[in-house]
Amino acid sequence: MRIILCHSILKKEINPLIKYFSKGDIKKYVEKAEKGLATELKGSFIAGTKLVKVYMTGKSGAGRMIVLIYVKKDFYMPVLIRLKKDKIVGMNLSKGNKDFQNLLKKNLSLVMKDLNDGGFDEL
C-alpha cells in the first residue's frame, strides 16, 4: 500500500485540520481503510478507483475521511477530511447531501490535476 498526499488536498483539507488530526493520524486511518474497516461510497468518476469513508477520532474530536483507492495500483489518497461537527458536510457524507457531492467532485478534480502535474508526495 502506498499513501499519496496530493498538494491541493494537503492545502485545502489536511493542513486546516492539523490541530485535530496529525499526518500520523491520517496514515493510521488510511491503513484502517486498507484493512477493510471503512464504508464504500458511490461517486468516483475516476476509472479503476473506489471511494471509502473512514471514521476518525483525534486530539480534539471526531471526524470523517474520504479515501480514494486506485484498486489495481494499491494507492490510497485522502480526498476529503472533515470534523464531524462541520456545518457543511460533517455528519452527512452521503449521496443525498448535494453540498458533499459538489465538494467531492471538486476535490476529485483537484486530485486528478495534481496527479497529472506531479503535485503529490508519498507519506
PDB file of N, CA and C in Angstrom:
ATOM      1  N   MET A   1       0.841  -1.179   0.000  1.00  0.00           N
ATOM      2  CA  MET A   1       0.000   0.000   0.000  1.00  0.00           C
ATOM      3  C   MET A   1       0.887   1.243   0.000  1.00  0.00           C
ATOM      4  N   ARG A   2       0.516   2.189  -0.858  1.00  0.00           N
ATOM      5  CA  ARG A   2       1.194   3.486  -0.902  1.00  0.00           C
ATOM      6  C   ARG A   2       0.166   4.570  -0.608  1.00  0.00           C
ATOM      7  N   ILE A   3       0.513   5.478   0.297  1.00  0.00           N
ATOM      8  CA  ILE A   3      -0.365   6.597   0.628  1.00  0.00           C
ATOM      9  C   ILE A   3       0.159   7.828  -0.095  1.00  0.00           C
ATOM     10  N   ILE A   4      -0.690   8.394  -0.934  1.00  0.00           N
ATOM     11  CA  ILE A   4      -0.343   9.559  -1.735  1.00  0.00           C
ATOM     12  C   ILE A   4      -1.088  10.774  -1.179  1.00  0.00           C
ATOM     13  N   LEU A   5      -0.348  11.853  -0.921  1.00  0.00           N
ATOM     14  CA  LEU A   5      -0.942  13.113  -0.476  1.00  0.00           C
ATOM     15  C   LEU A   5      -0.807  14.132  -1.597  1.00  0.00           C
ATOM     16  N   CYS A   6      -1.908  14.457  -2.212  1.00  0.00           N
ATOM     17  CA  CYS A   6      -1.923  15.460  -3.275  1.00  0.00           C
ATOM     18  C   CYS A   6      -1.794  16.845  -2.650  1.00  0.00           C
ATOM     19  N   HIS A   7      -0.999  17.703  -3.277  1.00  0.00           N
ATOM     20  CA  HIS A   7      -0.722  19.029  -2.721  1.00  0.00           C
ATOM     21  C   HIS A   7      -1.993  19.854  -2.514  1.00  0.00           C
ATOM     22  N   SER A   8      -2.930  19.787  -3.439  1.00  0.00           N
ATOM     23  CA  SER A   8      -4.182  20.546  -3.291  1.00  0.00           C
ATOM     24  C   SER A   8      -4.970  20.080  -2.073  1.00  0.00           C
ATOM     25  N   ILE A   9      -4.988  18.785  -1.854  1.00  0.00           N
ATOM     26  CA  ILE A   9      -5.732  18.229  -0.711  1.00  0.00           C
ATOM     27  C   ILE A   9      -5.008  18.555   0.590  1.00  0.00           C
ATOM     28  N   LEU A  10      -3.679  18.517   0.573  1.00  0.00           N
ATOM     29  CA  LEU A  10      -2.918  18.939   1.755  1.00  0.00           C
ATOM     30  C   LEU A  10      -3.293  20.366   2.142  1.00  0.00           C
ATOM     31  N   LYS A  11      -3.278  21.252   1.156  1.00  0.00           N
ATOM     32  CA  LYS A  11      -3.556  22.668   1.403  1.00  0.00           C
ATOM     33  C   LYS A  11      -5.001  22.904   1.840  1.00  0.00           C
ATOM     34  N   LYS A  12      -5.923  22.243   1.164  1.00  0.00           N
ATOM     35  CA  LYS A  12      -7.348  22.533   1.356  1.00  0.00           C
ATOM     36  C   LYS A  12      -7.990  21.726   2.486  1.00  0.00           C
ATOM     37  N   GLU A  13      -7.568  20.487   2.676  1.00  0.00           N
ATOM     38  CA  GLU A  13      -8.258  19.595   3.602  1.00  0.00           C
ATOM     39  C   GLU A  13      -7.436  19.231   4.843  1.00  0.00           C
ATOM     40  N   ILE A  14      -6.171  18.873   4.659  1.00  0.00           N
ATOM     41  CA  ILE A  14      -5.383  18.330   5.769  1.00  0.00           C
ATOM     42  C   ILE A  14      -4.788  19.426   6.641  1.00  0.00           C
ATOM     43  N   ASN A  15      -4.088  20.390   6.039  1.00  0.00           N
ATOM     44  CA  ASN A  15      -3.438  21.441   6.834  1.00  0.00           C
ATOM     45  C   ASN A  15      -4.399  22.243   7.713  1.00  0.00           C
ATOM     46  N   PRO A  16      -5.610  22.597   7.246  1.00  0.00           N
ATOM     47  CA  PRO A  16      -6.521  23.335   8.134  1.00  0.00           C
ATOM     48  C   PRO A  16      -6.963  22.540   9.378  1.00  0.00           C
ATOM     49  N   LEU A  17      -6.843  21.218   9.329  1.00  0.00           N
ATOM     50  CA  LEU A  17      -7.277  20.393  10.461  1.00  0.00           C
ATOM     51  C   LEU A  17      -6.107  19.746  11.202  1.00  0.00           C
ATOM     52  N   ILE A  18      -4.894  20.251  10.981  1.00  0.00           N
ATOM     53  CA  ILE A  18      -3.713  19.621  11.558  1.00  0.00           C
ATOM     54  C   ILE A  18      -3.727  19.678  13.087  1.00  0.00           C
ATOM     55  N   LYS A  19      -4.422  20.649  13.668  1.00  0.00           N
ATOM     56  CA  LYS A  19      -4.505  20.689  15.138  1.00  0.00           C
ATOM     57  C   LYS A  19      -5.442  19.605  15.671  1.00  0.00           C
ATOM     58  N   TYR A  20      -6.255  19.025  14.806  1.00  0.00           N
ATOM     59  CA  TYR A  20      -7.148  17.941  15.200  1.00  0.00           C
ATOM     60  C   TYR A  20      -6.601  16.572  14.804  1.00  0.00           C
ATOM     61  N   PHE A  21      -6.045  16.483  13.592  1.00  0.00           N
ATOM     62  CA  PHE A  21      -5.555  15.220  13.059  1.00  0.00           C
ATOM     63  C   PHE A  21      -4.163  15.415  12.474  1.00  0.00           C
ATOM     64  N   SER A  22      -3.183  14.732  13.035  1.00  0.00           N
ATOM     65  CA  SER A  22      -1.809  14.825  12.537  1.00  0.00           C
ATOM     66  C   SER A  22      -1.663  13.973  11.272  1.00  0.00           C
ATOM     67  N   LYS A  23      -0.526  14.110  10.609  1.00  0.00           N
ATOM     68  CA  LYS A  23      -0.265  13.246   9.451  1.00  0.00           C
ATOM     69  C   LYS A  23      -0.177  11.786   9.890  1.00  0.00           C
ATOM     70  N   GLY A  24       0.269  11.559  11.121  1.00  0.00           N
ATOM     71  CA  GLY A  24       0.274  10.200  11.667  1.00  0.00           C
ATOM     72  C   GLY A  24      -1.139   9.648  11.807  1.00  0.00           C
ATOM     73  N   ASP A  25      -2.066  10.511  12.226  1.00  0.00           N
ATOM     74  CA  ASP A  25      -3.475  10.094  12.307  1.00  0.00           C
ATOM     75  C   ASP A  25      -4.009   9.765  10.923  1.00  0.00           C
ATOM     76  N   ILE A  26      -3.661  10.602   9.944  1.00  0.00           N
ATOM     77  CA  ILE A  26      -4.114  10.366   8.566  1.00  0.00           C
ATOM     78  C   ILE A  26      -3.641   8.988   8.115  1.00  0.00           C
ATOM     79  N   LYS A  27      -2.363   8.712   8.339  1.00  0.00           N
ATOM     80  CA  LYS A  27      -1.795   7.417   7.948  1.00  0.00           C
ATOM     81  C   LYS A  27      -2.518   6.271   8.651  1.00  0.00           C
ATOM     82  N   LYS A  28      -2.747   6.423   9.943  1.00  0.00           N
ATOM     83  CA  LYS A  28      -3.412   5.377  10.730  1.00  0.00           C
ATOM     84  C   LYS A  28      -4.798   5.060  10.174  1.00  0.00           C
ATOM     85  N   TYR A  29      -5.542   6.088   9.809  1.00  0.00           N
ATOM     86  CA  TYR A  29      -6.907   5.853   9.334  1.00  0.00           C
ATOM     87  C   TYR A  29      -6.957   5.403   7.878  1.00  0.00           C
ATOM     88  N   VAL A  30      -5.966   5.773   7.088  1.00  0.00           N
ATOM     89  CA  VAL A  30      -5.877   5.219   5.736  1.00  0.00           C
ATOM     90  C   VAL A  30      -5.566   3.724   5.830  1.00  0.00           C
ATOM     91  N   GLU A  31      -4.681   3.360   6.752  1.00  0.00           N
ATOM     92  CA  GLU A  31      -4.376   1.938   6.961  1.00  0.00           C
ATOM     93  C   GLU A  31      -5.620   1.180   7.419  1.00  0.00           C
ATOM     94  N   LYS A  32      -6.456   1.834   8.192  1.00  0.00           N
ATOM     95  CA  LYS A  32      -7.730   1.237   8.614  1.00  0.00           C
ATOM     96  C   LYS A  32      -8.602   0.957   7.390  1.00  0.00           C
ATOM     97  N   ALA A  33      -8.609   1.895   6.448  1.00  0.00           N
ATOM     98  CA  ALA A  33      -9.373   1.698   5.210  1.00  0.00           C
ATOM     99  C   ALA A  33      -8.817   0.521   4.422  1.00  0.00           C
ATOM    100  N   GLU A  34      -7.485   0.399   4.398  1.00  0.00           N
ATOM    101  CA  GLU A  34      -6.862  -0.707   3.662  1.00  0.00           C
ATOM    102  C   GLU A  34      -7.286  -2.056   4.234  1.00  0.00           C
ATOM    103  N   LYS A  35      -7.477  -2.110   5.540  1.00  0.00           N
ATOM    104  CA  LYS A  35      -7.868  -3.360   6.205  1.00  0.00           C
ATOM    105  C   LYS A  35      -9.347  -3.672   6.028  1.00  0.00           C
ATOM    106  N   GLY A  36     -10.060  -2.814   5.300  1.00  0.00           N
ATOM    107  CA  GLY A  36     -11.474  -3.059   5.059  1.00  0.00           C
ATOM    108  C   GLY A  36     -12.392  -2.497   6.125  1.00  0.00           C
ATOM    109  N   LEU A  37     -11.863  -1.660   7.011  1.00  0.00           N
ATOM    110  CA  LEU A  37     -12.663  -1.090   8.094  1.00  0.00           C
ATOM    111  C   LEU A  37     -13.197   0.278   7.698  1.00  0.00           C
ATOM    112  N   ALA A  38     -13.832   0.322   6.543  1.00  0.00           N
ATOM    113  CA  ALA A  38     -14.392   1.553   6.005  1.00  0.00           C
ATOM    114  C   ALA A  38     -15.650   1.207   5.225  1.00  0.00           C
ATOM    115  N   THR A  39     -16.450   2.222   4.968  1.00  0.00           N
ATOM    116  CA  THR A  39     -17.690   2.055   4.229  1.00  0.00           C
ATOM    117  C   THR A  39     -17.491   2.527   2.799  1.00  0.00           C
ATOM    118  N   GLU A  40     -17.814   1.674   1.841  1.00  0.00           N
ATOM    119  CA  GLU A  40     -17.655   2.062   0.439  1.00  0.00           C
ATOM    120  C   GLU A  40     -18.749   3.042   0.039  1.00  0.00           C
ATOM    121  N   LEU A  41     -18.365   4.051  -0.751  1.00  0.00           N
ATOM    122  CA  LEU A  41     -19.287   5.076  -1.239  1.00  0.00           C
ATOM    123  C   LEU A  41     -19.345   5.031  -2.756  1.00  0.00           C
ATOM    124  N   LYS A  42     -20.431   5.472  -3.309  1.00  0.00           N
ATOM    125  CA  LYS A  42     -20.546   5.662  -4.754  1.00  0.00           C
ATOM    126  C   LYS A  42     -20.088   7.073  -5.080  1.00  0.00           C
ATOM    127  N   GLY A  43     -19.659   7.298  -6.303  1.00  0.00           N
ATOM    128  CA  GLY A  43     -19.403   8.668  -6.709  1.00  0.00           C
ATOM    129  C   GLY A  43     -18.063   8.955  -7.338  1.00  0.00           C
ATOM    130  N   SER A  44     -17.151   7.980  -7.400  1.00  0.00           N
ATOM    131  CA  SER A  44     -15.884   8.265  -8.061  1.00  0.00           C
ATOM    132  C   SER A  44     -16.068   8.169  -9.568  1.00  0.00           C
ATOM    133  N   PHE A  45     -15.688   9.235 -10.266  1.00  0.00           N
ATOM    134  CA  PHE A  45     -15.769   9.228 -11.721  1.00  0.00           C
ATOM    135  C   PHE A  45     -14.413   8.872 -12.338  1.00  0.00           C
ATOM    136  N   ILE A  46     -13.457   8.458 -11.509  1.00  0.00           N
ATOM    137  CA  ILE A  46     -12.119   8.107 -11.980  1.00  0.00           C
ATOM    138  C   ILE A  46     -12.057   6.596 -12.173  1.00  0.00           C
ATOM    139  N   ALA A  47     -11.763   6.169 -13.393  1.00  0.00           N
ATOM    140  CA  ALA A  47     -11.730   4.741 -13.716  1.00  0.00           C
ATOM    141  C   ALA A  47     -10.723   4.000 -12.842  1.00  0.00           C
ATOM    142  N   GLY A  48     -11.092   2.792 -12.413  1.00  0.00           N
ATOM    143  CA  GLY A  48     -10.198   1.946 -11.638  1.00  0.00           C
ATOM    144  C   GLY A  48     -10.083   2.318 -10.177  1.00  0.00           C
ATOM    145  N   THR A  49     -11.014   3.158  -9.692  1.00  0.00           N
ATOM    146  CA  THR A  49     -10.948   3.605  -8.300  1.00  0.00           C
ATOM    147  C   THR A  49     -12.247   3.320  -7.570  1.00  0.00           C
ATOM    148  N   LYS A  50     -12.159   3.414  -6.271  1.00  0.00           N
ATOM    149  CA  LYS A  50     -13.356   3.404  -5.430  1.00  0.00           C
ATOM    150  C   LYS A  50     -13.121   4.371  -4.281  1.00  0.00           C
ATOM    151  N   LEU A  51     -14.209   4.813  -3.689  1.00  0.00           N
ATOM    152  CA  LEU A  51     -14.169   5.723  -2.549  1.00  0.00           C
ATOM    153  C   LEU A  51     -14.643   4.994  -1.305  1.00  0.00           C
ATOM    154  N   VAL A  52     -13.986   5.270  -0.177  1.00  0.00           N
ATOM    155  CA  VAL A  52     -14.426   4.724   1.092  1.00  0.00           C
ATOM    156  C   VAL A  52     -14.448   5.828   2.133  1.00  0.00           C
ATOM    157  N   LYS A  53     -15.323   5.661   3.114  1.00  0.00           N
ATOM    158  CA  LYS A  53     -15.444   6.613   4.218  1.00  0.00           C
ATOM    159  C   LYS A  53     -14.912   5.944   5.481  1.00  0.00           C
ATOM    160  N   VAL A  54     -14.029   6.659   6.184  1.00  0.00           N
ATOM    161  CA  VAL A  54     -13.432   6.154   7.413  1.00  0.00           C
ATOM    162  C   VAL A  54     -13.805   7.091   8.550  1.00  0.00           C
ATOM    163  N   TYR A  55     -14.207   6.524   9.674  1.00  0.00           N
ATOM    164  CA  TYR A  55     -14.488   7.311  10.864  1.00  0.00           C
ATOM    165  C   TYR A  55     -13.187   7.512  11.628  1.00  0.00           C
ATOM    166  N   MET A  56     -12.965   8.752  12.098  1.00  0.00           N
ATOM    167  CA  MET A  56     -11.718   9.105  12.764  1.00  0.00           C
ATOM    168  C   MET A  56     -11.993   9.692  14.147  1.00  0.00           C
ATOM    169  N   THR A  57     -11.021   9.520  15.033  1.00  0.00           N
ATOM    170  CA  THR A  57     -11.008  10.256  16.292  1.00  0.00           C
ATOM    171  C   THR A  57      -9.615  10.838  16.440  1.00  0.00           C
ATOM    172  N   GLY A  58      -9.555  12.062  16.935  1.00  0.00           N
ATOM    173  CA  GLY A  58      -8.274  12.739  17.063  1.00  0.00           C
ATOM    174  C   GLY A  58      -8.160  13.450  18.389  1.00  0.00           C
ATOM    175  N   LYS A  59      -7.196  14.361  18.482  1.00  0.00           N
ATOM    176  CA  LYS A  59      -6.899  15.076  19.718  1.00  0.00           C
ATOM    177  C   LYS A  59      -8.112  15.826  20.267  1.00  0.00           C
ATOM    178  N   SER A  60      -8.907  16.376  19.372  1.00  0.00           N
ATOM    179  CA  SER A  60      -9.980  17.267  19.821  1.00  0.00           C
ATOM    180  C   SER A  60     -11.344  16.923  19.244  1.00  0.00           C
ATOM    181  N   GLY A  61     -11.551  15.688  18.861  1.00  0.00           N
ATOM    182  CA  GLY A  61     -12.876  15.351  18.375  1.00  0.00           C
ATOM    183  C   GLY A  61     -12.896  14.287  17.304  1.00  0.00           C
ATOM    184  N   ALA A  62     -14.092  14.074  16.807  1.00  0.00           N
ATOM    185  CA  ALA A  62     -14.327  13.045  15.799  1.00  0.00           C
ATOM    186  C   ALA A  62     -14.371  13.668  14.416  1.00  0.00           C
ATOM    187  N   GLY A  63     -14.068  12.850  13.430  1.00  0.00           N
ATOM    188  CA  GLY A  63     -14.104  13.319  12.062  1.00  0.00           C
ATOM    189  C   GLY A  63     -14.400  12.197  11.096  1.00  0.00           C
ATOM    190  N   ARG A  64     -14.425  12.546   9.833  1.00  0.00           N
ATOM    191  CA  ARG A  64     -14.664  11.590   8.747  1.00  0.00           C
ATOM    192  C   ARG A  64     -13.635  11.878   7.654  1.00  0.00           C
ATOM    193  N   MET A  65     -13.156  10.825   7.018  1.00  0.00           N
ATOM    194  CA  MET A  65     -12.220  10.992   5.914  1.00  0.00           C
ATOM    195  C   MET A  65     -12.703  10.154   4.744  1.00  0.00           C
ATOM    196  N   ILE A  66     -12.648  10.752   3.563  1.00  0.00           N
ATOM    197  CA  ILE A  66     -12.948  10.024   2.337  1.00  0.00           C
ATOM    198  C   ILE A  66     -11.601   9.710   1.675  1.00  0.00           C
ATOM    199  N   VAL A  67     -11.411   8.435   1.348  1.00  0.00           N
ATOM    200  CA  VAL A  67     -10.160   7.979   0.750  1.00  0.00           C
ATOM    201  C   VAL A  67     -10.472   7.436  -0.639  1.00  0.00           C
ATOM    202  N   LEU A  68      -9.689   7.883  -1.613  1.00  0.00           N
ATOM    203  CA  LEU A  68      -9.773   7.369  -2.979  1.00  0.00           C
ATOM    204  C   LEU A  68      -8.758   6.246  -3.108  1.00  0.00           C
ATOM    205  N   ILE A  69      -9.192   5.094  -3.571  1.00  0.00           N
ATOM    206  CA  ILE A  69      -8.309   3.938  -3.710  1.00  0.00           C
ATOM    207  C   ILE A  69      -8.192   3.581  -5.181  1.00  0.00           C
ATOM    208  N   TYR A  70      -6.953   3.606  -5.691  1.00  0.00           N
ATOM    209  CA  TYR A  70      -6.683   3.054  -7.015  1.00  0.00           C
ATOM    210  C   TYR A  70      -6.498   1.564  -6.800  1.00  0.00           C
ATOM    211  N   VAL A  71      -7.493   0.804  -7.146  1.00  0.00           N
ATOM    212  CA  VAL A  71      -7.573  -0.594  -6.759  1.00  0.00           C
ATOM    213  C   VAL A  71      -6.392  -1.409  -7.276  1.00  0.00           C
ATOM    214  N   LYS A  72      -6.093  -1.363  -8.563  1.00  0.00           N
ATOM    215  CA  LYS A  72      -5.044  -2.210  -9.129  1.00  0.00           C
ATOM    216  C   LYS A  72      -3.640  -1.756  -8.744  1.00  0.00           C
ATOM    217  N   LYS A  73      -3.468  -0.470  -8.470  1.00  0.00           N
ATOM    218  CA  LYS A  73      -2.135   0.054  -8.151  1.00  0.00           C
ATOM    219  C   LYS A  73      -1.863   0.077  -6.650  1.00  0.00           C
ATOM    220  N   ASP A  74      -2.886  -0.164  -5.828  1.00  0.00           N
ATOM    221  CA  ASP A  74      -2.766  -0.158  -4.373  1.00  0.00           C
ATOM    222  C   ASP A  74      -2.323   1.209  -3.840  1.00  0.00           C
ATOM    223  N   PHE A  75      -2.852   2.297  -4.456  1.00  0.00           N
ATOM    224  CA  PHE A  75      -2.615   3.654  -3.990  1.00  0.00           C
ATOM    225  C   PHE A  75      -3.832   4.092  -3.174  1.00  0.00           C
ATOM    226  N   TYR A  76      -3.565   4.763  -2.063  1.00  0.00           N
ATOM    227  CA  TYR A  76      -4.617   5.294  -1.206  1.00  0.00           C
ATOM    228  C   TYR A  76      -4.389   6.792  -1.070  1.00  0.00           C
ATOM    229  N   MET A  77      -5.415   7.588  -1.384  1.00  0.00           N
ATOM    230  CA  MET A  77      -5.283   9.037  -1.352  1.00  0.00           C
ATOM    231  C   MET A  77      -6.431   9.666  -0.575  1.00  0.00           C
ATOM    232  N   PRO A  78      -6.136  10.331   0.545  1.00  0.00           N
ATOM    233  CA  PRO A  78      -7.189  11.100   1.200  1.00  0.00           C
ATOM    234  C   PRO A  78      -7.706  12.169   0.242  1.00  0.00           C
ATOM    235  N   VAL A  79      -9.015  12.309   0.181  1.00  0.00           N
ATOM    236  CA  VAL A  79      -9.638  13.272  -0.721  1.00  0.00           C
ATOM    237  C   VAL A  79     -10.374  14.355   0.053  1.00  0.00           C
ATOM    238  N   LEU A  80     -10.925  13.983   1.187  1.00  0.00           N
ATOM    239  CA  LEU A  80     -11.738  14.921   1.954  1.00  0.00           C
ATOM    240  C   LEU A  80     -11.650  14.535   3.425  1.00  0.00           C
ATOM    241  N   ILE A  81     -11.416  15.510   4.281  1.00  0.00           N
ATOM    242  CA  ILE A  81     -11.393  15.274   5.725  1.00  0.00           C
ATOM    243  C   ILE A  81     -12.211  16.375   6.371  1.00  0.00           C
ATOM    244  N   ARG A  82     -13.122  15.990   7.208  1.00  0.00           N
ATOM    245  CA  ARG A  82     -13.972  16.965   7.889  1.00  0.00           C
ATOM    246  C   ARG A  82     -14.207  16.518   9.330  1.00  0.00           C
ATOM    247  N   LEU A  83     -14.316  17.502  10.211  1.00  0.00           N
ATOM    248  CA  LEU A  83     -14.753  17.210  11.567  1.00  0.00           C
ATOM    249  C   LEU A  83     -16.213  16.788  11.525  1.00  0.00           C
ATOM    250  N   LYS A  84     -16.598  15.960  12.441  1.00  0.00           N
ATOM    251  CA  LYS A  84     -17.992  15.515  12.500  1.00  0.00           C
ATOM    252  C   LYS A  84     -18.930  16.708  12.669  1.00  0.00           C
ATOM    253  N   LYS A  85     -18.467  17.729  13.390  1.00  0.00           N
ATOM    254  CA  LYS A  85     -19.319  18.895  13.646  1.00  0.00           C
ATOM    255  C   LYS A  85     -19.273  19.950  12.536  1.00  0.00           C
ATOM    256  N   ASP A  86     -18.585  19.646  11.433  1.00  0.00           N
ATOM    257  CA  ASP A  86     -18.517  20.568  10.296  1.00  0.00           C
ATOM    258  C   ASP A  86     -19.935  20.906   9.837  1.00  0.00           C
ATOM    259  N   LYS A  87     -20.214  22.184   9.675  1.00  0.00           N
ATOM    260  CA  LYS A  87     -21.580  22.619   9.369  1.00  0.00           C
ATOM    261  C   LYS A  87     -22.031  22.271   7.948  1.00  0.00           C
ATOM    262  N   ILE A  88     -21.100  22.116   7.013  1.00  0.00           N
ATOM    263  CA  ILE A  88     -21.496  21.856   5.626  1.00  0.00           C
ATOM    264  C   ILE A  88     -21.694  20.375   5.360  1.00  0.00           C
ATOM    265  N   VAL A  89     -20.706  19.556   5.696  1.00  0.00           N
ATOM    266  CA  VAL A  89     -20.805  18.139   5.319  1.00  0.00           C
ATOM    267  C   VAL A  89     -20.443  17.167   6.434  1.00  0.00           C
ATOM    268  N   GLY A  90     -20.106  17.631   7.620  1.00  0.00           N
ATOM    269  CA  GLY A  90     -19.548  16.794   8.676  1.00  0.00           C
ATOM    270  C   GLY A  90     -20.265  15.497   8.981  1.00  0.00           C
ATOM    271  N   MET A  91     -21.546  15.556   9.275  1.00  0.00           N
ATOM    272  CA  MET A  91     -22.261  14.350   9.670  1.00  0.00           C
ATOM    273  C   MET A  91     -22.933  13.652   8.494  1.00  0.00           C
ATOM    274  N   ASN A  92     -22.992  14.296   7.368  1.00  0.00           N
ATOM    275  CA  ASN A  92     -23.778  13.755   6.269  1.00  0.00           C
ATOM    276  C   ASN A  92     -22.924  13.583   5.008  1.00  0.00           C
ATOM    277  N   LEU A  93     -22.013  12.628   5.058  1.00  0.00           N
ATOM    278  CA  LEU A  93     -21.190  12.316   3.890  1.00  0.00           C
ATOM    279  C   LEU A  93     -21.913  11.230   3.104  1.00  0.00           C
ATOM    280  N   SER A  94     -22.967  11.636   2.429  1.00  0.00           N
ATOM    281  CA  SER A  94     -23.772  10.656   1.704  1.00  0.00           C
ATOM    282  C   SER A  94     -24.161  11.199   0.337  1.00  0.00           C
ATOM    283  N   LYS A  95     -24.660  10.309  -0.482  1.00  0.00           N
ATOM    284  CA  LYS A  95     -25.072  10.660  -1.837  1.00  0.00           C
ATOM    285  C   LYS A  95     -26.202  11.690  -1.835  1.00  0.00           C
ATOM    286  N   GLY A  96     -27.016  11.706  -0.796  1.00  0.00           N
ATOM    287  CA  GLY A  96     -28.140  12.623  -0.716  1.00  0.00           C
ATOM    288  C   GLY A  96     -27.771  14.052  -0.349  1.00  0.00           C
ATOM    289  N   ASN A  97     -26.556  14.284   0.112  1.00  0.00           N
ATOM    290  CA  ASN A  97     -26.118  15.617   0.509  1.00  0.00           C
ATOM    291  C   ASN A  97     -25.459  16.300  -0.687  1.00  0.00           C
ATOM    292  N   LYS A  98     -26.149  17.232  -1.300  1.00  0.00           N
ATOM    293  CA  LYS A  98     -25.640  17.901  -2.504  1.00  0.00           C
ATOM    294  C   LYS A  98     -24.365  18.697  -2.229  1.00  0.00           C
ATOM    295  N   ASP A  99     -24.263  19.330  -1.050  1.00  0.00           N
ATOM    296  CA  ASP A  99     -23.050  20.069  -0.705  1.00  0.00           C
ATOM    297  C   ASP A  99     -21.847  19.126  -0.657  1.00  0.00           C
ATOM    298  N   PHE A 100     -22.037  17.956  -0.063  1.00  0.00           N
ATOM    299  CA  PHE A 100     -20.966  16.966  -0.017  1.00  0.00           C
ATOM    300  C   PHE A 100     -20.611  16.487  -1.425  1.00  0.00           C
ATOM    301  N   GLN A 101     -21.598  16.194  -2.235  1.00  0.00           N
ATOM    302  CA  GLN A 101     -21.343  15.702  -3.592  1.00  0.00           C
ATOM    303  C   GLN A 101     -20.577  16.738  -4.421  1.00  0.00           C
ATOM    304  N   ASN A 102     -20.950  18.013  -4.295  1.00  0.00           N
ATOM    305  CA  ASN A 102     -20.240  19.073  -5.019  1.00  0.00           C
ATOM    306  C   ASN A 102     -18.791  19.194  -4.547  1.00  0.00           C
ATOM    307  N   LEU A 103     -18.584  19.138  -3.241  1.00  0.00           N
ATOM    308  CA  LEU A 103     -17.240  19.213  -2.689  1.00  0.00           C
ATOM    309  C   LEU A 103     -16.407  18.001  -3.113  1.00  0.00           C
ATOM    310  N   LEU A 104     -17.009  16.838  -3.112  1.00  0.00           N
ATOM    311  CA  LEU A 104     -16.307  15.628  -3.531  1.00  0.00           C
ATOM    312  C   LEU A 104     -15.876  15.721  -4.994  1.00  0.00           C
ATOM    313  N   LYS A 105     -16.766  16.171  -5.861  1.00  0.00           N
ATOM    314  CA  LYS A 105     -16.420  16.326  -7.281  1.00  0.00           C
ATOM    315  C   LYS A 105     -15.271  17.315  -7.464  1.00  0.00           C
ATOM    316  N   LYS A 106     -15.335  18.423  -6.743  1.00  0.00           N
ATOM    317  CA  LYS A 106     -14.287  19.434  -6.835  1.00  0.00           C
ATOM    318  C   LYS A 106     -12.946  18.852  -6.378  1.00  0.00           C
ATOM    319  N   ASN A 107     -12.957  18.136  -5.256  1.00  0.00           N
ATOM    320  CA  ASN A 107     -11.715  17.567  -4.738  1.00  0.00           C
ATOM    321  C   ASN A 107     -11.165  16.459  -5.633  1.00  0.00           C
ATOM    322  N   LEU A 108     -12.037  15.647  -6.220  1.00  0.00           N
ATOM    323  CA  LEU A 108     -11.568  14.617  -7.146  1.00  0.00           C
ATOM    324  C   LEU A 108     -10.928  15.247  -8.379  1.00  0.00           C
ATOM    325  N   SER A 109     -11.471  16.359  -8.830  1.00  0.00           N
ATOM    326  CA  SER A 109     -10.862  17.082  -9.958  1.00  0.00           C
ATOM    327  C   SER A 109      -9.486  17.618  -9.574  1.00  0.00           C
ATOM    328  N   LEU A 110      -9.354  18.136  -8.352  1.00  0.00           N
ATOM    329  CA  LEU A 110      -8.055  18.612  -7.870  1.00  0.00           C
ATOM    330  C   LEU A 110      -7.043  17.472  -7.793  1.00  0.00           C
ATOM    331  N   VAL A 111      -7.492  16.308  -7.328  1.00  0.00           N
ATOM    332  CA  VAL A 111      -6.616  15.130  -7.249  1.00  0.00           C
ATOM    333  C   VAL A 111      -6.114  14.761  -8.641  1.00  0.00           C
ATOM    334  N   MET A 112      -7.010  14.715  -9.616  1.00  0.00           N
ATOM    335  CA  MET A 112      -6.609  14.364 -10.976  1.00  0.00           C
ATOM    336  C   MET A 112      -5.594  15.369 -11.530  1.00  0.00           C
ATOM    337  N   LYS A 113      -5.819  16.644 -11.267  1.00  0.00           N
ATOM    338  CA  LYS A 113      -4.882  17.670 -11.740  1.00  0.00           C
ATOM    339  C   LYS A 113      -3.522  17.477 -11.074  1.00  0.00           C
ATOM    340  N   ASP A 114      -3.503  17.279  -9.769  1.00  0.00           N
ATOM    341  CA  ASP A 114      -2.236  17.076  -9.055  1.00  0.00           C
ATOM    342  C   ASP A 114      -1.506  15.833  -9.555  1.00  0.00           C
ATOM    343  N   LEU A 115      -2.231  14.762  -9.779  1.00  0.00           N
ATOM    344  CA  LEU A 115      -1.595  13.543 -10.261  1.00  0.00           C
ATOM    345  C   LEU A 115      -0.996  13.746 -11.651  1.00  0.00           C
ATOM    346  N   ASN A 116      -1.697  14.447 -12.507  1.00  0.00           N
ATOM    347  CA  ASN A 116      -1.199  14.728 -13.860  1.00  0.00           C
ATOM    348  C   ASN A 116      -0.005  15.680 -13.862  1.00  0.00           C
ATOM    349  N   ASP A 117      -0.002  16.635 -12.905  1.00  0.00           N
ATOM    350  CA  ASP A 117       1.060  17.649 -12.849  1.00  0.00           C
ATOM    351  C   ASP A 117       2.237  17.250 -11.948  1.00  0.00           C
ATOM    352  N   GLY A 118       2.140  16.099 -11.280  1.00  0.00           N
ATOM    353  CA  GLY A 118       3.194  15.688 -10.360  1.00  0.00           C
ATOM    354  C   GLY A 118       3.123  16.398  -9.019  1.00  0.00           C
ATOM    355  N   GLY A 119       1.981  16.970  -8.687  1.00  0.00           N
ATOM    356  CA  GLY A 119       1.798  17.703  -7.442  1.00  0.00           C
ATOM    357  C   GLY A 119       1.361  16.816  -6.293  1.00  0.00           C
ATOM    358  N   PHE A 120       2.222  15.887  -5.894  1.00  0.00           N
ATOM    359  CA  PHE A 120       1.888  14.979  -4.806  1.00  0.00           C
ATOM    360  C   PHE A 120       3.162  14.455  -4.151  1.00  0.00           C
ATOM    361  N   ASP A 121       3.011  13.969  -2.930  1.00  0.00           N
ATOM    362  CA  ASP A 121       4.097  13.328  -2.180  1.00  0.00           C
ATOM    363  C   ASP A 121       3.580  12.001  -1.647  1.00  0.00           C
ATOM    364  N   GLU A 122       4.498  11.121  -1.344  1.00  0.00           N
ATOM    365  CA  GLU A 122       4.114   9.849  -0.731  1.00  0.00           C
ATOM    366  C   GLU A 122       4.351   9.948   0.763  1.00  0.00           C
ATOM    367  N   LEU A 123       3.384   9.498   1.548  1.00  0.00           N
ATOM    368  CA  LEU A 123       3.505   9.542   3.008  1.00  0.00           C
ATOM    369  C   LEU A 123       4.222   8.308   3.488  1.00  0.00           C
TER     370      LEU A 123
END
